[in-house]
C-alpha cells in the first residue's frame, strides 16, 4: 500500500515508520504518472518498507524542504532522516535501494 502524504501528515508518517520510501511527484508529470503502477507494485512486494507519495503541487513546502528539483524524485528515510535519493523513474536503482533498506530493517 502507498500512502498519500501532505504537509500535515508527512512528519508523523516518516517518524512513525522505521523505513519509508517517498515518491515526490506531480499530476502533470508524464514520467510520474507512467511510473506510478510500478511504484505500487514495488510497495506490494516489500512489506518491510513503508511507501508514500507527495504531490509537490499540493505540498510545495515539502519539495523545498528536501530540495526536490526534478520529478519524480524518490527519497529514502531511515528513522525519520533522509538517507538516500534517486531522481528519475529508475526501477533497478529503486529496487536496490529498497533491498538495502529492507536489510537495514533486519538490524534495527
Protein backbone atom coordinates (compact mmCIF):
# COMPACT_ATOMS: atom_id res chain seq x y z
CA UNK A 1 0.00 0.00 0.00
CA UNK A 2 1.18 3.51 -0.83
CA UNK A 3 0.14 6.31 1.49
CA UNK A 4 -0.64 9.82 0.23
CA UNK A 5 1.12 12.42 2.36
CA UNK A 6 0.85 16.18 2.62
CA UNK A 7 2.43 18.90 4.77
CA UNK A 8 0.27 17.98 7.77
CA UNK A 9 0.77 14.21 7.68
CA UNK A 10 4.36 13.93 6.42
CA UNK A 11 6.43 14.19 9.62
CA UNK A 12 4.21 11.88 11.66
CA UNK A 13 4.27 9.24 8.93
CA UNK A 14 8.03 9.39 8.29
CA UNK A 15 8.84 9.35 12.01
CA UNK A 16 6.23 6.68 12.67
CA UNK A 17 7.87 4.07 10.41
CA UNK A 18 11.43 2.76 10.56
CA UNK A 19 11.98 2.91 6.78
CA UNK A 20 9.99 4.98 4.30
CA UNK A 21 10.43 5.49 0.56
CA UNK A 22 8.72 8.69 -0.62
CA UNK A 23 7.85 9.46 -4.24
CA UNK A 24 7.77 13.22 -4.88
CA UNK A 25 5.58 13.64 -7.97
CA UNK A 26 3.04 15.88 -9.74
CA UNK A 27 -0.10 15.03 -11.73
CA UNK A 28 1.14 16.90 -14.83
CA UNK A 29 4.38 14.86 -14.92
CA UNK A 30 4.14 12.13 -17.58
CA UNK A 31 7.02 10.01 -16.22
CA UNK A 32 5.49 10.28 -12.74
CA UNK A 33 2.11 9.01 -13.94
CA UNK A 34 3.71 6.26 -16.03
CA UNK A 35 5.83 5.04 -13.11
CA UNK A 36 3.01 5.09 -10.52
CA UNK A 37 1.86 1.47 -11.17
CA UNK A 38 5.46 0.27 -10.89
CA UNK A 39 5.88 2.10 -7.58
CA UNK A 40 2.64 0.50 -6.33
CA UNK A 41 3.89 -2.96 -7.36
CA UNK A 42 7.22 -2.34 -5.62
CA UNK A 43 5.32 -1.41 -2.45
CA UNK A 44 3.26 -4.62 -2.60
CA UNK A 45 6.41 -6.74 -2.86
CA UNK A 46 8.23 -5.07 0.05
CA UNK A 47 6.30 -5.23 3.30
CA UNK A 48 9.23 -4.16 5.49
CA UNK A 49 9.47 -0.71 3.86
CA UNK A 50 6.65 1.85 4.02
CA UNK A 51 5.86 3.61 0.73
CA UNK A 52 4.37 7.08 0.32
CA UNK A 53 3.73 9.76 -2.27
CA UNK A 54 3.85 13.55 -2.00
CA UNK A 55 2.15 15.68 -4.65
CA UNK A 56 4.55 18.63 -4.93
CA UNK A 57 1.79 20.88 -6.32
CA UNK A 58 -0.21 20.40 -3.11
CA UNK A 59 2.82 20.44 -0.77
CA UNK A 60 5.48 22.67 -2.36
CA UNK A 61 6.98 23.28 1.09
CA UNK A 62 7.99 19.61 1.29
CA UNK A 63 9.58 19.78 -2.16
CA UNK A 64 11.57 22.81 -1.00
CA UNK A 65 12.47 21.20 2.31
CA UNK A 66 14.02 18.19 0.57
CA UNK A 67 15.47 20.14 -2.38
CA UNK A 68 13.36 18.34 -4.97
CA UNK A 69 14.39 19.94 -8.26
CA UNK A 70 13.13 17.34 -10.73
CA UNK A 71 10.41 14.75 -10.59
CA UNK A 72 9.92 12.02 -9.95
CA UNK A 73 12.36 12.09 -7.05
CA UNK A 74 12.43 9.25 -4.54
CA UNK A 75 13.80 9.85 -1.05
CA UNK A 76 14.57 7.08 1.44
CA UNK A 77 14.07 7.87 5.12
CA UNK A 78 15.52 5.72 7.90
CA UNK A 79 14.36 6.54 11.42
CA UNK A 80 12.94 9.85 10.20
CA UNK A 81 16.09 11.07 8.45
CA UNK A 82 16.69 11.30 4.70
CA UNK A 83 19.35 8.73 3.82
CA UNK A 84 19.21 8.39 0.04
CA UNK A 85 17.73 9.90 -3.10
CA UNK A 86 17.11 8.82 -6.67
CA UNK A 87 15.98 11.22 -9.37
CA UNK A 88 14.02 9.78 -12.26
CA UNK A 89 11.99 6.63 -12.76
CA UNK A 90 14.88 4.19 -12.35
CA UNK A 91 13.39 0.87 -11.35
CA UNK A 92 16.64 -1.07 -10.88
CA UNK A 93 18.12 1.62 -8.62
CA UNK A 94 14.90 1.80 -6.60
CA UNK A 95 14.82 -1.98 -6.23
CA UNK A 96 18.40 -1.90 -4.98
CA UNK A 97 17.63 0.93 -2.55
CA UNK A 98 14.59 -0.93 -1.21
CA UNK A 99 16.57 -4.18 -0.85
CA UNK A 100 19.28 -2.35 1.10
CA UNK A 101 16.66 -0.66 3.25
CA UNK A 102 14.98 -3.99 3.96
CA UNK A 103 18.32 -5.47 5.05
CA UNK A 104 18.88 -2.45 7.32
CA UNK A 105 15.46 -3.09 8.83
CA UNK A 106 16.62 -6.54 9.92
CA UNK A 107 19.23 -4.99 12.23
CA UNK A 108 17.13 -2.08 13.60
